[in-house]
N, C-alpha and C. Protein backbone atom coordinates (compact mmCIF):
# COMPACT_ATOMS: atom_id res chain seq x y z
N MET A 1 29.36 99.22 30.44
CA MET A 1 29.15 98.25 31.49
C MET A 1 30.21 97.15 31.44
N LYS A 2 30.54 96.69 30.20
CA LYS A 2 31.56 95.66 30.07
C LYS A 2 32.90 96.16 30.59
N THR A 3 33.18 97.44 30.35
CA THR A 3 34.44 98.02 30.82
C THR A 3 34.50 98.02 32.34
N LEU A 4 33.40 98.36 32.97
CA LEU A 4 33.34 98.38 34.43
C LEU A 4 33.56 96.98 35.00
N ILE A 5 32.90 96.00 34.42
CA ILE A 5 33.05 94.62 34.90
C ILE A 5 34.48 94.14 34.67
N SER A 6 35.03 94.43 33.50
CA SER A 6 36.41 94.02 33.20
C SER A 6 37.40 94.68 34.15
N SER A 7 37.19 95.97 34.41
CA SER A 7 38.09 96.69 35.32
C SER A 7 38.01 96.14 36.74
N THR A 8 36.80 95.87 37.19
CA THR A 8 36.61 95.33 38.53
C THR A 8 37.23 93.95 38.66
N LEU A 9 37.02 93.12 37.65
CA LEU A 9 37.60 91.78 37.66
C LEU A 9 39.12 91.84 37.64
N GLY A 10 39.67 92.73 36.82
CA GLY A 10 41.12 92.90 36.75
C GLY A 10 41.71 93.35 38.07
N ALA A 11 41.04 94.31 38.72
CA ALA A 11 41.52 94.79 40.01
C ALA A 11 41.47 93.68 41.06
N ALA A 12 40.41 92.88 41.04
CA ALA A 12 40.30 91.78 42.00
C ALA A 12 41.41 90.75 41.79
N LEU A 13 41.71 90.45 40.53
CA LEU A 13 42.79 89.50 40.24
C LEU A 13 44.14 90.03 40.70
N LEU A 14 44.39 91.31 40.47
CA LEU A 14 45.65 91.91 40.92
C LEU A 14 45.77 91.87 42.44
N PHE A 15 44.67 92.14 43.12
CA PHE A 15 44.68 92.11 44.58
C PHE A 15 44.99 90.70 45.09
N CYS A 16 44.34 89.70 44.50
CA CYS A 16 44.59 88.31 44.92
C CYS A 16 46.03 87.90 44.65
N ALA A 17 46.56 88.31 43.51
CA ALA A 17 47.94 87.97 43.17
C ALA A 17 48.91 88.62 44.14
N SER A 18 48.65 89.87 44.52
CA SER A 18 49.56 90.56 45.44
C SER A 18 49.49 89.93 46.83
N GLN A 19 48.31 89.47 47.26
CA GLN A 19 48.19 88.82 48.56
C GLN A 19 48.93 87.48 48.56
N SER A 20 48.84 86.76 47.47
CA SER A 20 49.54 85.48 47.36
C SER A 20 51.05 85.69 47.39
N ALA A 21 51.52 86.72 46.70
CA ALA A 21 52.96 87.02 46.69
C ALA A 21 53.43 87.41 48.09
N ALA A 22 52.60 88.15 48.82
CA ALA A 22 52.97 88.55 50.18
C ALA A 22 53.09 87.33 51.09
N GLN A 23 52.19 86.37 50.94
CA GLN A 23 52.26 85.16 51.74
C GLN A 23 53.53 84.37 51.41
N ASP A 24 53.83 84.25 50.11
CA ASP A 24 55.02 83.51 49.68
C ASP A 24 56.30 84.16 50.19
N ARG A 25 56.29 85.46 50.31
CA ARG A 25 57.47 86.20 50.77
C ARG A 25 57.92 85.74 52.15
N PHE A 26 56.98 85.32 52.96
CA PHE A 26 57.28 84.94 54.34
C PHE A 26 57.30 83.43 54.57
N ALA A 27 57.13 82.66 53.51
CA ALA A 27 57.04 81.20 53.66
C ALA A 27 58.30 80.59 54.26
N ASP A 28 59.46 81.11 53.91
CA ASP A 28 60.73 80.54 54.38
C ASP A 28 61.29 81.22 55.62
N VAL A 29 60.56 82.17 56.17
CA VAL A 29 61.04 82.88 57.36
C VAL A 29 60.84 82.00 58.59
N SER A 30 61.86 81.91 59.40
CA SER A 30 61.74 81.21 60.68
C SER A 30 61.94 82.22 61.80
N ILE A 31 61.29 82.00 62.90
CA ILE A 31 61.38 82.88 64.06
C ILE A 31 62.27 82.20 65.09
N SER A 32 63.35 82.88 65.46
CA SER A 32 64.25 82.33 66.48
C SER A 32 64.07 83.09 67.79
N VAL A 33 64.26 82.38 68.88
CA VAL A 33 64.10 82.94 70.23
C VAL A 33 65.47 83.02 70.88
N THR A 34 65.83 84.22 71.35
CA THR A 34 67.09 84.43 72.05
C THR A 34 66.79 84.87 73.48
N PRO A 35 67.13 84.07 74.49
CA PRO A 35 66.95 84.51 75.88
C PRO A 35 67.90 85.67 76.17
N LEU A 36 67.41 86.69 76.85
CA LEU A 36 68.25 87.84 77.18
C LEU A 36 68.63 87.86 78.65
N ASN A 37 67.62 87.92 79.52
CA ASN A 37 67.89 88.02 80.95
C ASN A 37 66.62 87.66 81.71
N GLY A 38 66.64 86.58 82.42
CA GLY A 38 65.46 86.20 83.20
C GLY A 38 64.25 85.95 82.31
N SER A 39 63.29 86.85 82.36
CA SER A 39 62.05 86.68 81.61
C SER A 39 62.01 87.51 80.33
N ALA A 40 63.15 88.05 79.91
CA ALA A 40 63.22 88.87 78.69
C ALA A 40 63.80 88.06 77.53
N TYR A 41 63.17 88.20 76.37
CA TYR A 41 63.59 87.45 75.19
C TYR A 41 63.56 88.37 73.97
N MET A 42 64.28 87.95 72.94
CA MET A 42 64.23 88.64 71.65
C MET A 42 63.86 87.60 70.60
N LEU A 43 62.84 87.91 69.81
CA LEU A 43 62.47 87.07 68.68
C LEU A 43 62.98 87.73 67.42
N GLN A 44 63.59 86.95 66.55
CA GLN A 44 64.10 87.46 65.29
C GLN A 44 63.45 86.70 64.15
N GLY A 45 63.13 87.43 63.09
CA GLY A 45 62.53 86.82 61.92
C GLY A 45 62.80 87.67 60.71
N ALA A 46 61.77 88.26 60.15
CA ALA A 46 61.91 89.16 59.00
C ALA A 46 61.75 90.59 59.50
N GLY A 47 62.59 91.47 59.04
CA GLY A 47 62.47 92.86 59.47
C GLY A 47 63.06 93.06 60.84
N GLY A 48 62.37 93.84 61.67
CA GLY A 48 62.86 94.16 63.00
C GLY A 48 62.73 93.01 63.97
N ASN A 49 63.21 93.21 65.16
CA ASN A 49 63.14 92.21 66.22
C ASN A 49 61.89 92.43 67.05
N ILE A 50 61.52 91.42 67.81
CA ILE A 50 60.38 91.50 68.71
C ILE A 50 60.90 91.33 70.13
N GLY A 51 60.58 92.28 70.99
CA GLY A 51 60.93 92.17 72.40
C GLY A 51 59.82 91.46 73.14
N VAL A 52 60.18 90.57 74.06
CA VAL A 52 59.18 89.81 74.82
C VAL A 52 59.56 89.82 76.29
N SER A 53 58.58 90.08 77.13
CA SER A 53 58.73 89.92 78.57
C SER A 53 57.61 88.99 79.02
N ALA A 54 57.98 87.85 79.59
CA ALA A 54 57.00 86.87 80.03
C ALA A 54 57.13 86.68 81.53
N GLY A 55 56.09 87.06 82.26
CA GLY A 55 56.14 86.94 83.71
C GLY A 55 54.81 86.49 84.27
N ASP A 56 54.70 86.52 85.59
CA ASP A 56 53.47 86.10 86.26
C ASP A 56 52.29 86.99 85.90
N ASP A 57 52.57 88.24 85.54
CA ASP A 57 51.50 89.18 85.22
C ASP A 57 51.10 89.15 83.75
N GLY A 58 51.69 88.27 82.97
CA GLY A 58 51.31 88.15 81.56
C GLY A 58 52.50 88.25 80.63
N VAL A 59 52.19 88.26 79.35
CA VAL A 59 53.20 88.33 78.30
C VAL A 59 53.06 89.67 77.60
N LEU A 60 54.17 90.39 77.50
CA LEU A 60 54.22 91.67 76.81
C LEU A 60 55.13 91.51 75.60
N ILE A 61 54.68 91.98 74.44
CA ILE A 61 55.56 91.98 73.27
C ILE A 61 55.69 93.40 72.75
N ILE A 62 56.88 93.71 72.28
CA ILE A 62 57.17 95.02 71.71
C ILE A 62 57.42 94.82 70.22
N ASP A 63 56.54 95.40 69.42
CA ASP A 63 56.51 95.23 67.97
C ASP A 63 56.22 93.77 67.65
N ASP A 64 55.53 93.53 66.57
CA ASP A 64 55.12 92.15 66.29
C ASP A 64 55.20 91.77 64.81
N GLN A 65 55.96 92.49 64.06
CA GLN A 65 56.30 92.18 62.67
C GLN A 65 55.08 92.08 61.75
N PHE A 66 55.24 91.35 60.66
CA PHE A 66 54.26 91.31 59.58
C PHE A 66 53.13 90.32 59.89
N ALA A 67 51.92 90.65 59.45
CA ALA A 67 50.74 89.81 59.70
C ALA A 67 50.90 88.36 59.24
N PRO A 68 51.48 88.07 58.06
CA PRO A 68 51.60 86.67 57.65
C PRO A 68 52.49 85.83 58.58
N LEU A 69 53.27 86.49 59.42
CA LEU A 69 54.15 85.76 60.34
C LEU A 69 53.48 85.45 61.67
N ALA A 70 52.26 85.89 61.88
CA ALA A 70 51.59 85.72 63.17
C ALA A 70 51.57 84.27 63.66
N PRO A 71 51.26 83.28 62.81
CA PRO A 71 51.29 81.90 63.31
C PRO A 71 52.68 81.45 63.76
N LYS A 72 53.71 81.88 63.05
CA LYS A 72 55.08 81.50 63.42
C LYS A 72 55.50 82.21 64.70
N ILE A 73 55.10 83.46 64.84
CA ILE A 73 55.41 84.21 66.06
C ILE A 73 54.69 83.58 67.25
N SER A 74 53.43 83.22 67.05
CA SER A 74 52.66 82.57 68.11
C SER A 74 53.30 81.26 68.54
N ALA A 75 53.79 80.49 67.58
CA ALA A 75 54.46 79.23 67.91
C ALA A 75 55.74 79.49 68.71
N ALA A 76 56.49 80.51 68.32
CA ALA A 76 57.72 80.85 69.05
C ALA A 76 57.39 81.32 70.46
N LEU A 77 56.32 82.09 70.60
CA LEU A 77 55.90 82.54 71.93
C LEU A 77 55.47 81.35 72.79
N GLY A 78 54.93 80.31 72.17
CA GLY A 78 54.54 79.11 72.89
C GLY A 78 55.71 78.40 73.54
N ASP A 79 56.91 78.61 72.99
CA ASP A 79 58.12 78.04 73.60
C ASP A 79 58.53 78.81 74.85
N ILE A 80 58.04 80.03 74.99
CA ILE A 80 58.41 80.90 76.11
C ILE A 80 57.37 80.85 77.22
N ALA A 81 56.10 80.96 76.85
CA ALA A 81 55.02 81.05 77.82
C ALA A 81 53.77 80.37 77.28
N THR A 82 52.88 79.98 78.16
CA THR A 82 51.65 79.33 77.73
C THR A 82 50.56 80.34 77.39
N ASP A 83 50.69 81.56 77.87
CA ASP A 83 49.68 82.58 77.63
C ASP A 83 49.89 83.27 76.29
N THR A 84 48.81 83.78 75.73
CA THR A 84 48.93 84.66 74.58
C THR A 84 49.32 86.04 75.11
N PRO A 85 49.85 86.91 74.27
CA PRO A 85 50.26 88.23 74.77
C PRO A 85 49.11 88.99 75.41
N SER A 86 49.37 89.53 76.58
CA SER A 86 48.40 90.37 77.27
C SER A 86 48.55 91.82 76.85
N TYR A 87 49.75 92.18 76.43
CA TYR A 87 50.06 93.56 76.07
C TYR A 87 50.91 93.58 74.80
N VAL A 88 50.61 94.53 73.93
CA VAL A 88 51.41 94.75 72.72
C VAL A 88 51.76 96.22 72.66
N ILE A 89 53.04 96.50 72.52
CA ILE A 89 53.52 97.88 72.37
C ILE A 89 54.10 98.02 70.97
N ASN A 90 53.64 99.03 70.25
CA ASN A 90 54.18 99.33 68.93
C ASN A 90 55.05 100.57 69.04
N THR A 91 56.29 100.46 68.56
CA THR A 91 57.18 101.62 68.61
C THR A 91 56.80 102.66 67.57
N HIS A 92 56.18 102.22 66.48
CA HIS A 92 55.60 103.13 65.49
C HIS A 92 54.65 102.34 64.60
N TYR A 93 54.02 103.00 63.65
CA TYR A 93 52.88 102.43 62.95
C TYR A 93 53.19 101.64 61.68
N HIS A 94 54.42 101.44 61.31
CA HIS A 94 54.74 100.71 60.08
C HIS A 94 54.34 99.24 60.20
N GLY A 95 53.98 98.63 59.06
CA GLY A 95 53.48 97.26 59.04
C GLY A 95 54.43 96.22 59.57
N ASP A 96 55.74 96.50 59.49
CA ASP A 96 56.71 95.53 60.03
C ASP A 96 56.79 95.60 61.55
N HIS A 97 56.05 96.51 62.15
CA HIS A 97 56.00 96.62 63.61
C HIS A 97 54.59 96.37 64.15
N THR A 98 53.58 96.45 63.29
CA THR A 98 52.19 96.37 63.75
C THR A 98 51.37 95.28 63.07
N GLY A 99 51.95 94.56 62.14
CA GLY A 99 51.19 93.63 61.31
C GLY A 99 50.48 92.52 62.06
N SER A 100 51.03 92.08 63.16
CA SER A 100 50.43 90.97 63.91
C SER A 100 49.71 91.44 65.16
N ASN A 101 49.20 92.66 65.14
CA ASN A 101 48.52 93.20 66.32
C ASN A 101 47.27 92.43 66.70
N ALA A 102 46.84 91.50 65.88
CA ALA A 102 45.63 90.72 66.19
C ALA A 102 45.82 89.80 67.40
N PHE A 103 47.07 89.67 67.90
CA PHE A 103 47.28 88.85 69.08
C PHE A 103 46.30 89.28 70.14
């Protein structure tokens, strides 16, 4: 029983440490906005780029990077449009493209 409790506690500590390290990894990342053409923009941060189209029918984003960057991405989108994204397109399922899908 002591082994089970020790193992569970150890696993929980490792999980918490890895989550903290993941948050720290993105602490210094800034999201920049590059206007492309009319209502099209490119957001750059960590990993791949984010495509944005902001128009009367809503805000569309293509790929949305890592989950810990969601507040920074949201702030950058606030410089472009007042609405939250209406549509999110993921080019594939990797975390650097789908992490902020909670928009």
